[in-house]
Amino acid sequence: MRASANTLNRALGYWDLIAYGLAYIAPMAIFSTLGFVWTESRGLIALAYVLGSVCMYFTAKSYAVMTESVPTAGSVYGFARHALGVLPGFVAGWMILLDYLLIPAFVYVTVAVALGALVPGVDRAFWVLLLVAFTTTVNWFGVTVTTRANFIGVILQVVVIVGFAGLATVALGHGFGNGALTARPFYAAGHFETGAIFSATSLCIMSFLGFDAISTLSEEVKGHDRRLVGRAIIAVLSISAAFFTLLAWVFGNVLPGITIQDPAAAYLDLARAAIGPWAAWVLAWAVVIVIGFSNALPMQVGVARVLYAMGRDRQLPHILARVHPKYRTPYVGMLAAAAISLAVALAMRNLVDELASIVNFGALSGFLLLHISVLAKFAFGQRSRDRITHWLIPLAGIAVVLAVFTGMSRLAMEVGISWLLIGGAYGLILKTRHRGELATEL
């Protein structure tokens, strides 16, 4: 049967989704928060990652539940639209866009900063333009091409970080750090403090952001299997949790005694002190090349699918729903996402911290509306008797998200609330123009 002109190509299997999710999170993501989590947790870095994994399980489970019931490319937008109504659905999509639109920009900027240090004299704007051009070109030729790049990127990241962890373990054997793989990164009586460990856990949660983007590919799965996306989401979170915790255990035993010059580059201080200057140089280039190119690919895919879904439902300009006749990709949404990410990256290339905090606000807002959608659809709407999946898990998820919100920076709150007010006003305008009817059947 010939596909409709505005339908996406169903070409993805289970392992394609796994590769996409892992590429989005990035196995090397632990490097970006290693120094901060180490400092906040007072050395109990592995315990912080265990608690962070437990916290994110609630959100992953809610995503899995909703993808089985509402298999839409719009992710949280589609879930809230069908569970809460047109206006809340639009607001959910609007808020998750704050996350999805800015995450690629954040990657472009952080890589540009690293390249600026490794190759002095070249303006960061050049590196940003290069990365945007690369990711847009690869994604243009279809999601199957992107998944191949995802596989390669994930494998390269795992090889690099496992090799690094292996060398760090050798350093332990020579008496560095704790001198052995001890249980101290999980618990040490003199260092444990509840407030500190939960503060560190809130930082760990940010390392897991990205598994949720698998839900944006729900309309591109082979065989219309509604359970496949949910299984992939849980699998990606489980793999990431185990991997990050294992690495935190190793690095947590090596870090004692190392002077951290900059928490954002603690992994380079660790490599330089425990292995040698050459290791820090190699690792810096590996992070730039592997994360800079492979991690940005799935990020652009995710935001393009959200724009496609909202454009198809006429919540955003309908042109965003156009699909390429040959490659079956939402090419207009992709170009729009690339243009916005480029503009933001160029404007904030010297404001990395502020950009990161705004991204977090968008992600957490989407998670909050996701949990509320589960409650509305199953707990209250269907009077479900599944007290754990449809009641306890979303309620626990809401509690976790609200707790993390209390640690948001003032700038993130101001920008996030302003974005919310603009979206709410625009959503009301759409409602008065009767552009809220559901345009697709599930």
Foldseek 3Di string as FASTA:
>chain_A
DDDDQLAFAQDDELVLLLLLQCLQLDLCLCLQQVLVLCVLLVLLNLQLLLVLLVLCLLLLLLQLVQLLVFLALQQLLRLCCVQPHQLSSLLLLLLLLLQLLLVLLLLLLVLLVLVCVVPPPDHSLVSSVVQLVQLLVQCVQASVSLSVLSVVLRVLRCVLLVVLLVLLQVLLCVVAFLSHLDCVSNDDPVRGDVVSSVVSNLSSNLSSPRLSLSSSCSSRHPPNRSNSSSVSSSVSSVVSSVSSSVSSSSVSRRPPPFDQPDSSRSVLSSCCVRPRNVSSVVVSVSCSPSSSRSNSNSSLQSQLSSQLQCLLLVLDPVLSSRADNPRSGSSVSSVVSSVSSSVVSVVCSVPSVLSVLLSLSSVLSSSLSSLVSLQSVACVVVVDPPCVSSNVSSVSSNVSSVVSVVVRDPSNVVVSVVSSVVSSVSSVVCVVVVSRDDNDDD
